[in-house]
Amino acid sequence: MPRMVAQVKKIPVPEALRSFALAPRHLSLLAYLLFDGPMTVNELAARLKVAPTTVSLLIGDLSRKGILERREDEADRRRRIIAIAADQQPAITAWLAPGAAAWRTALAPLTPDQRRLFVDTLLAYEAAVTGEDRS
């Protein structure tokens, strides 16, 4: 696991994004928006397992840099939908999509039951590291 994490950390930030001084805390947020599409602050907070105020601060930082955009939710104008800015989408895709492709390649030969076991094992590891009870 440490070797795998070390390799992932070596993936360079694309030239187009280097001036934004992106930190690891931005990576998960951007990955969720890239792979799952636009969502609300509360949805992002739930996925990242942090407070909505923390996500709001990250979004504010990335919005000021022009990486994210906020728009009104047509169904509820009080809510904001967060998305990757269209002009930043290609660079973020080039940066993060290879990781998703690598997971697909690694998991492709497994049966559905084997994939479930693998995911459950990773979740159990995460729970043990964080001290969360998964029962």
N, C-alpha and C. Protein backbone atom coordinates (compact mmCIF):
# COMPACT_ATOMS: atom_id res chain seq x y z
N MET A 1 0.83 -1.20 0.00
CA MET A 1 0.00 0.00 0.00
C MET A 1 0.87 1.27 0.00
N PRO A 2 1.88 1.35 0.87
CA PRO A 2 2.71 2.56 0.83
C PRO A 2 3.39 2.78 -0.53
N ARG A 3 3.83 1.69 -1.16
CA ARG A 3 4.47 1.81 -2.47
C ARG A 3 3.48 2.33 -3.50
N MET A 4 2.24 1.83 -3.45
CA MET A 4 1.22 2.27 -4.39
C MET A 4 0.90 3.75 -4.19
N VAL A 5 0.76 4.17 -2.95
CA VAL A 5 0.47 5.57 -2.65
C VAL A 5 1.62 6.45 -3.12
N ALA A 6 2.85 5.99 -2.91
CA ALA A 6 4.02 6.76 -3.34
C ALA A 6 4.00 6.96 -4.85
N GLN A 7 3.62 5.93 -5.60
CA GLN A 7 3.55 6.04 -7.06
C GLN A 7 2.48 7.04 -7.50
N VAL A 8 1.35 7.00 -6.84
CA VAL A 8 0.26 7.92 -7.18
C VAL A 8 0.69 9.37 -6.91
N LYS A 9 1.41 9.58 -5.83
CA LYS A 9 1.86 10.93 -5.49
C LYS A 9 2.85 11.49 -6.52
N LYS A 10 3.48 10.61 -7.28
CA LYS A 10 4.45 11.04 -8.28
C LYS A 10 3.81 11.50 -9.59
N ILE A 11 2.52 11.27 -9.74
CA ILE A 11 1.83 11.70 -10.96
C ILE A 11 1.88 13.23 -10.99
N PRO A 12 2.52 13.79 -12.00
CA PRO A 12 2.68 15.25 -12.02
C PRO A 12 1.37 15.98 -12.31
N VAL A 13 1.24 17.13 -11.70
CA VAL A 13 0.11 18.01 -11.99
C VAL A 13 0.34 18.57 -13.39
N PRO A 14 -0.68 18.55 -14.26
CA PRO A 14 -0.49 19.08 -15.61
C PRO A 14 -0.04 20.54 -15.59
N GLU A 15 0.74 20.90 -16.58
CA GLU A 15 1.27 22.26 -16.69
C GLU A 15 0.17 23.31 -16.55
N ALA A 16 -0.97 23.06 -17.17
CA ALA A 16 -2.08 24.02 -17.14
C ALA A 16 -2.62 24.26 -15.74
N LEU A 17 -2.36 23.34 -14.79
CA LEU A 17 -2.89 23.47 -13.43
C LEU A 17 -1.82 23.82 -12.40
N ARG A 18 -0.56 23.81 -12.77
CA ARG A 18 0.53 24.00 -11.80
C ARG A 18 0.47 25.34 -11.08
N SER A 19 0.08 26.38 -11.77
CA SER A 19 0.08 27.71 -11.15
C SER A 19 -1.00 27.85 -10.07
N PHE A 20 -1.92 26.88 -9.98
CA PHE A 20 -3.00 26.97 -9.00
C PHE A 20 -2.61 26.45 -7.63
N ALA A 21 -1.43 25.88 -7.49
CA ALA A 21 -0.94 25.35 -6.21
C ALA A 21 -1.97 24.41 -5.58
N LEU A 22 -2.40 23.42 -6.36
CA LEU A 22 -3.37 22.45 -5.86
C LEU A 22 -2.70 21.53 -4.84
N ALA A 23 -3.45 21.22 -3.80
CA ALA A 23 -2.95 20.36 -2.73
C ALA A 23 -3.72 19.05 -2.73
N PRO A 24 -3.21 18.04 -2.01
CA PRO A 24 -3.92 16.75 -1.96
C PRO A 24 -5.38 16.88 -1.54
N ARG A 25 -5.69 17.86 -0.70
CA ARG A 25 -7.08 18.01 -0.26
C ARG A 25 -8.00 18.36 -1.42
N HIS A 26 -7.46 18.95 -2.48
CA HIS A 26 -8.27 19.28 -3.65
C HIS A 26 -8.51 18.07 -4.55
N LEU A 27 -7.61 17.11 -4.49
CA LEU A 27 -7.64 15.98 -5.40
C LEU A 27 -8.93 15.16 -5.29
N SER A 28 -9.33 14.79 -4.09
CA SER A 28 -10.55 13.99 -3.92
C SER A 28 -11.79 14.75 -4.37
N LEU A 29 -11.86 16.02 -4.03
CA LEU A 29 -13.01 16.83 -4.43
C LEU A 29 -13.10 16.89 -5.95
N LEU A 30 -11.98 17.14 -6.61
CA LEU A 30 -11.97 17.20 -8.07
C LEU A 30 -12.30 15.84 -8.69
N ALA A 31 -11.81 14.77 -8.09
CA ALA A 31 -12.09 13.43 -8.60
C ALA A 31 -13.58 13.13 -8.54
N TYR A 32 -14.24 13.45 -7.43
CA TYR A 32 -15.68 13.22 -7.33
C TYR A 32 -16.43 13.99 -8.40
N LEU A 33 -16.07 15.25 -8.60
CA LEU A 33 -16.77 16.05 -9.60
C LEU A 33 -16.49 15.55 -11.01
N LEU A 34 -15.27 15.10 -11.26
CA LEU A 34 -14.93 14.59 -12.59
C LEU A 34 -15.68 13.30 -12.91
N PHE A 35 -15.67 12.35 -11.98
CA PHE A 35 -16.22 11.03 -12.26
C PHE A 35 -17.71 10.91 -11.99
N ASP A 36 -18.24 11.71 -11.05
CA ASP A 36 -19.65 11.59 -10.69
C ASP A 36 -20.47 12.78 -11.16
N GLY A 37 -19.81 13.81 -11.68
CA GLY A 37 -20.52 14.97 -12.21
C GLY A 37 -20.82 16.02 -11.15
N PRO A 38 -21.44 17.12 -11.57
CA PRO A 38 -21.75 18.22 -10.66
C PRO A 38 -22.60 17.75 -9.49
N MET A 39 -22.38 18.38 -8.33
CA MET A 39 -23.18 18.05 -7.15
C MET A 39 -23.18 19.22 -6.18
N THR A 40 -23.98 19.10 -5.14
CA THR A 40 -24.10 20.16 -4.14
C THR A 40 -22.97 20.06 -3.12
N VAL A 41 -22.83 21.12 -2.33
CA VAL A 41 -21.85 21.16 -1.26
C VAL A 41 -22.10 20.01 -0.28
N ASN A 42 -23.35 19.81 0.09
CA ASN A 42 -23.67 18.74 1.05
C ASN A 42 -23.35 17.36 0.50
N GLU A 43 -23.60 17.14 -0.78
CA GLU A 43 -23.26 15.85 -1.38
C GLU A 43 -21.75 15.63 -1.36
N LEU A 44 -21.00 16.66 -1.70
CA LEU A 44 -19.53 16.55 -1.66
C LEU A 44 -19.04 16.31 -0.24
N ALA A 45 -19.61 17.01 0.72
CA ALA A 45 -19.20 16.85 2.12
C ALA A 45 -19.45 15.42 2.59
N ALA A 46 -20.59 14.86 2.22
CA ALA A 46 -20.90 13.49 2.62
C ALA A 46 -19.91 12.50 2.01
N ARG A 47 -19.57 12.68 0.77
CA ARG A 47 -18.63 11.77 0.12
C ARG A 47 -17.22 11.91 0.68
N LEU A 48 -16.83 13.15 0.98
CA LEU A 48 -15.49 13.39 1.51
C LEU A 48 -15.39 13.14 3.01
N LYS A 49 -16.56 12.95 3.64
CA LYS A 49 -16.64 12.74 5.09
C LYS A 49 -16.02 13.89 5.88
N VAL A 50 -16.39 15.11 5.46
CA VAL A 50 -15.97 16.33 6.16
C VAL A 50 -17.18 17.24 6.30
N ALA A 51 -17.04 18.27 7.08
CA ALA A 51 -18.14 19.21 7.30
C ALA A 51 -18.40 20.03 6.03
N PRO A 52 -19.67 20.39 5.80
CA PRO A 52 -19.98 21.24 4.65
C PRO A 52 -19.19 22.55 4.65
N THR A 53 -18.89 23.09 5.83
CA THR A 53 -18.11 24.34 5.87
C THR A 53 -16.70 24.12 5.31
N THR A 54 -16.14 22.95 5.57
CA THR A 54 -14.81 22.64 5.03
C THR A 54 -14.87 22.57 3.51
N VAL A 55 -15.90 21.91 2.99
CA VAL A 55 -16.06 21.81 1.53
C VAL A 55 -16.30 23.20 0.94
N SER A 56 -17.09 24.02 1.62
CA SER A 56 -17.35 25.38 1.13
C SER A 56 -16.06 26.18 1.01
N LEU A 57 -15.16 26.01 1.97
CA LEU A 57 -13.87 26.71 1.91
C LEU A 57 -13.05 26.23 0.71
N LEU A 58 -13.01 24.91 0.49
CA LEU A 58 -12.29 24.37 -0.66
C LEU A 58 -12.89 24.87 -1.98
N ILE A 59 -14.21 24.85 -2.04
CA ILE A 59 -14.90 25.31 -3.25
C ILE A 59 -14.63 26.79 -3.49
N GLY A 60 -14.67 27.57 -2.43
CA GLY A 60 -14.38 29.00 -2.57
C GLY A 60 -12.99 29.23 -3.12
N ASP A 61 -12.02 28.49 -2.59
CA ASP A 61 -10.64 28.61 -3.05
C ASP A 61 -10.53 28.23 -4.53
N LEU A 62 -11.11 27.11 -4.90
CA LEU A 62 -11.02 26.65 -6.29
C LEU A 62 -11.85 27.50 -7.24
N SER A 63 -12.94 28.08 -6.75
CA SER A 63 -13.76 28.97 -7.59
C SER A 63 -13.01 30.26 -7.89
N ARG A 64 -12.36 30.81 -6.89
CA ARG A 64 -11.58 32.04 -7.10
C ARG A 64 -10.46 31.83 -8.11
N LYS A 65 -9.95 30.61 -8.18
CA LYS A 65 -8.88 30.29 -9.12
C LYS A 65 -9.42 29.95 -10.51
N GLY A 66 -10.75 29.87 -10.63
CA GLY A 66 -11.37 29.57 -11.92
C GLY A 66 -11.42 28.09 -12.25
N ILE A 67 -11.18 27.23 -11.25
CA ILE A 67 -11.19 25.79 -11.48
C ILE A 67 -12.60 25.22 -11.37
N LEU A 68 -13.37 25.76 -10.44
CA LEU A 68 -14.75 25.32 -10.25
C LEU A 68 -15.70 26.46 -10.56
N GLU A 69 -16.94 26.09 -10.85
CA GLU A 69 -17.99 27.09 -11.01
C GLU A 69 -19.20 26.66 -10.20
N ARG A 70 -19.92 27.65 -9.73
CA ARG A 70 -21.15 27.40 -8.97
C ARG A 70 -22.32 27.95 -9.76
N ARG A 71 -23.40 27.20 -9.77
CA ARG A 71 -24.61 27.69 -10.42
C ARG A 71 -25.81 27.33 -9.55
N GLU A 72 -26.90 28.04 -9.77
CA GLU A 72 -28.12 27.76 -9.01
C GLU A 72 -28.69 26.41 -9.41
N ASP A 73 -29.23 25.73 -8.43
CA ASP A 73 -29.96 24.49 -8.68
C ASP A 73 -31.35 24.90 -9.17
N GLU A 74 -31.70 24.48 -10.37
CA GLU A 74 -33.00 24.86 -10.94
C GLU A 74 -34.16 24.37 -10.09
N ALA A 75 -33.98 23.25 -9.39
CA ALA A 75 -35.05 22.68 -8.56
C ALA A 75 -35.18 23.42 -7.22
N ASP A 76 -34.11 24.03 -6.75
CA ASP A 76 -34.12 24.73 -5.46
C ASP A 76 -33.08 25.84 -5.54
N ARG A 77 -33.52 27.04 -5.81
CA ARG A 77 -32.61 28.17 -6.06
C ARG A 77 -31.75 28.55 -4.84
N ARG A 78 -32.05 27.99 -3.67
CA ARG A 78 -31.21 28.24 -2.50
C ARG A 78 -29.93 27.42 -2.53
N ARG A 79 -29.97 26.31 -3.26
CA ARG A 79 -28.81 25.42 -3.35
C ARG A 79 -27.94 25.79 -4.53
N ARG A 80 -26.66 25.48 -4.41
CA ARG A 80 -25.71 25.70 -5.49
C ARG A 80 -25.17 24.36 -5.98
N ILE A 81 -25.06 24.24 -7.27
CA ILE A 81 -24.47 23.06 -7.88
C ILE A 81 -23.03 23.42 -8.23
N ILE A 82 -22.11 22.55 -7.85
CA ILE A 82 -20.68 22.77 -8.06
C ILE A 82 -20.22 21.89 -9.21
N ALA A 83 -19.46 22.46 -10.12
CA ALA A 83 -18.95 21.72 -11.27
C ALA A 83 -17.54 22.20 -11.61
N ILE A 84 -16.81 21.38 -12.32
CA ILE A 84 -15.50 21.78 -12.83
C ILE A 84 -15.75 22.77 -13.97
N ALA A 85 -15.01 23.87 -13.97
CA ALA A 85 -15.15 24.86 -15.04
C ALA A 85 -14.80 24.21 -16.37
N ALA A 86 -15.58 24.51 -17.40
CA ALA A 86 -15.42 23.88 -18.71
C ALA A 86 -14.00 24.02 -19.25
N ASP A 87 -13.38 25.18 -19.06
CA ASP A 87 -12.04 25.37 -19.62
C ASP A 87 -10.95 24.61 -18.84
N GLN A 88 -11.27 24.13 -17.63
CA GLN A 88 -10.32 23.36 -16.84
C GLN A 88 -10.55 21.85 -16.97
N GLN A 89 -11.67 21.47 -17.52
CA GLN A 89 -12.04 20.06 -17.63
C GLN A 89 -10.98 19.21 -18.34
N PRO A 90 -10.45 19.63 -19.49
CA PRO A 90 -9.47 18.79 -20.17
C PRO A 90 -8.21 18.50 -19.34
N ALA A 91 -7.69 19.51 -18.66
CA ALA A 91 -6.48 19.31 -17.87
C ALA A 91 -6.76 18.41 -16.67
N ILE A 92 -7.89 18.59 -16.03
CA ILE A 92 -8.23 17.76 -14.87
C ILE A 92 -8.50 16.32 -15.31
N THR A 93 -9.15 16.16 -16.45
CA THR A 93 -9.38 14.81 -16.98
C THR A 93 -8.05 14.13 -17.30
N ALA A 94 -7.15 14.85 -17.96
CA ALA A 94 -5.84 14.28 -18.30
C ALA A 94 -5.07 13.87 -17.05
N TRP A 95 -5.27 14.60 -15.97
CA TRP A 95 -4.55 14.35 -14.72
C TRP A 95 -5.14 13.16 -13.96
N LEU A 96 -6.47 13.08 -13.86
CA LEU A 96 -7.11 12.10 -12.98
C LEU A 96 -7.63 10.85 -13.69
N ALA A 97 -7.98 10.94 -14.94
CA ALA A 97 -8.57 9.80 -15.63
C ALA A 97 -7.64 8.58 -15.71
N PRO A 98 -6.33 8.74 -15.84
CA PRO A 98 -5.48 7.53 -15.87
C PRO A 98 -5.60 6.67 -14.61
N GLY A 99 -5.83 7.28 -13.47
CA GLY A 99 -6.02 6.52 -12.24
C GLY A 99 -7.29 5.67 -12.29
N ALA A 100 -8.36 6.24 -12.83
CA ALA A 100 -9.60 5.49 -12.97
C ALA A 100 -9.42 4.35 -13.96
N ALA A 101 -8.70 4.62 -15.04
CA ALA A 101 -8.45 3.57 -16.03
C ALA A 101 -7.62 2.44 -15.42
N ALA A 102 -6.67 2.79 -14.57
CA ALA A 102 -5.84 1.78 -13.91
C ALA A 102 -6.70 0.89 -13.00
N TRP A 103 -7.66 1.49 -12.27
CA TRP A 103 -8.55 0.69 -11.43
C TRP A 103 -9.39 -0.25 -12.29
N ARG A 104 -9.90 0.26 -13.41
CA ARG A 104 -10.71 -0.59 -14.29
C ARG A 104 -9.88 -1.78 -14.80
N THR A 105 -8.64 -1.52 -15.18
CA THR A 105 -7.76 -2.58 -15.66
C THR A 105 -7.50 -3.61 -14.55
N ALA A 106 -7.23 -3.13 -13.35
CA ALA A 106 -6.93 -4.03 -12.23
C ALA A 106 -8.14 -4.86 -11.83
N LEU A 107 -9.33 -4.29 -11.89
CA LEU A 107 -10.53 -4.99 -11.44
C LEU A 107 -11.21 -5.82 -12.53
N ALA A 108 -10.90 -5.55 -13.79
CA ALA A 108 -11.58 -6.22 -14.91
C ALA A 108 -11.53 -7.75 -14.84
N PRO A 109 -10.39 -8.36 -14.48
CA PRO A 109 -10.38 -9.83 -14.48
C PRO A 109 -11.13 -10.47 -13.31
N LEU A 110 -11.56 -9.67 -12.35
CA LEU A 110 -12.22 -10.21 -11.16
C LEU A 110 -13.70 -10.45 -11.40
N THR A 111 -14.23 -11.43 -10.71
CA THR A 111 -15.68 -11.67 -10.75
C THR A 111 -16.35 -10.60 -9.88
N PRO A 112 -17.65 -10.42 -10.02
CA PRO A 112 -18.34 -9.47 -9.14
C PRO A 112 -18.12 -9.76 -7.65
N ASP A 113 -18.12 -11.03 -7.26
CA ASP A 113 -17.89 -11.37 -5.86
C ASP A 113 -16.46 -11.01 -5.42
N GLN A 114 -15.50 -11.22 -6.30
CA GLN A 114 -14.12 -10.86 -5.97
C GLN A 114 -13.95 -9.35 -5.85
N ARG A 115 -14.62 -8.62 -6.74
CA ARG A 115 -14.57 -7.14 -6.65
C ARG A 115 -15.18 -6.68 -5.33
N ARG A 116 -16.30 -7.25 -4.95
CA ARG A 116 -16.96 -6.89 -3.69
C ARG A 116 -16.03 -7.17 -2.52
N LEU A 117 -15.37 -8.32 -2.53
CA LEU A 117 -14.42 -8.65 -1.46
C LEU A 117 -13.28 -7.64 -1.42
N PHE A 118 -12.76 -7.27 -2.57
CA PHE A 118 -11.68 -6.29 -2.64
C PHE A 118 -12.12 -4.95 -2.05
N VAL A 119 -13.28 -4.47 -2.49
CA VAL A 119 -13.79 -3.18 -2.00
C VAL A 119 -14.06 -3.25 -0.50
N ASP A 120 -14.68 -4.34 -0.04
CA ASP A 120 -14.95 -4.51 1.39
C ASP A 120 -13.64 -4.52 2.19
N THR A 121 -12.60 -5.14 1.63
CA THR A 121 -11.30 -5.17 2.31
C THR A 121 -10.72 -3.77 2.42
N LEU A 122 -10.79 -2.99 1.35
CA LEU A 122 -10.30 -1.61 1.41
C LEU A 122 -11.10 -0.78 2.42
N LEU A 123 -12.41 -0.98 2.46
CA LEU A 123 -13.24 -0.25 3.43
C LEU A 123 -12.91 -0.66 4.86
N ALA A 124 -12.64 -1.95 5.07
CA ALA A 124 -12.25 -2.41 6.41
C ALA A 124 -10.91 -1.80 6.81
N TYR A 125 -9.99 -1.71 5.87
CA TYR A 125 -8.69 -1.08 6.13
C TYR A 125 -8.88 0.39 6.52
N GLU A 126 -9.71 1.08 5.72
CA GLU A 126 -9.98 2.49 6.01
C GLU A 126 -10.58 2.65 7.41
N ALA A 127 -11.55 1.79 7.75
CA ALA A 127 -12.19 1.86 9.06
C ALA A 127 -11.18 1.61 10.18
N ALA A 128 -10.29 0.66 9.98
CA ALA A 128 -9.28 0.36 11.00
C ALA A 128 -8.31 1.52 11.17
N VAL A 129 -7.93 2.15 10.07
CA VAL A 129 -7.00 3.28 10.13
C VAL A 129 -7.64 4.48 10.82
N THR A 130 -8.91 4.72 10.53
CA THR A 130 -9.59 5.91 11.07
C THR A 130 -10.25 5.64 12.42
N GLY A 131 -10.35 4.36 12.81
CA GLY A 131 -10.99 4.03 14.08
C GLY A 131 -12.50 4.03 13.99
N GLU A 132 -13.04 4.00 12.77
CA GLU A 132 -14.50 3.98 12.59
C GLU A 132 -15.03 2.56 12.79
N ASP A 133 -16.23 2.49 13.30
CA ASP A 133 -16.90 1.19 13.46
C ASP A 133 -17.74 0.96 12.21
N ARG A 134 -17.48 -0.13 11.49
CA ARG A 134 -18.20 -0.42 10.24
C ARG A 134 -19.34 -1.41 10.47
N SER A 135 -19.71 -1.71 11.69
CA SER A 135 -20.76 -2.72 11.92
C SER A 135 -22.14 -2.19 11.67
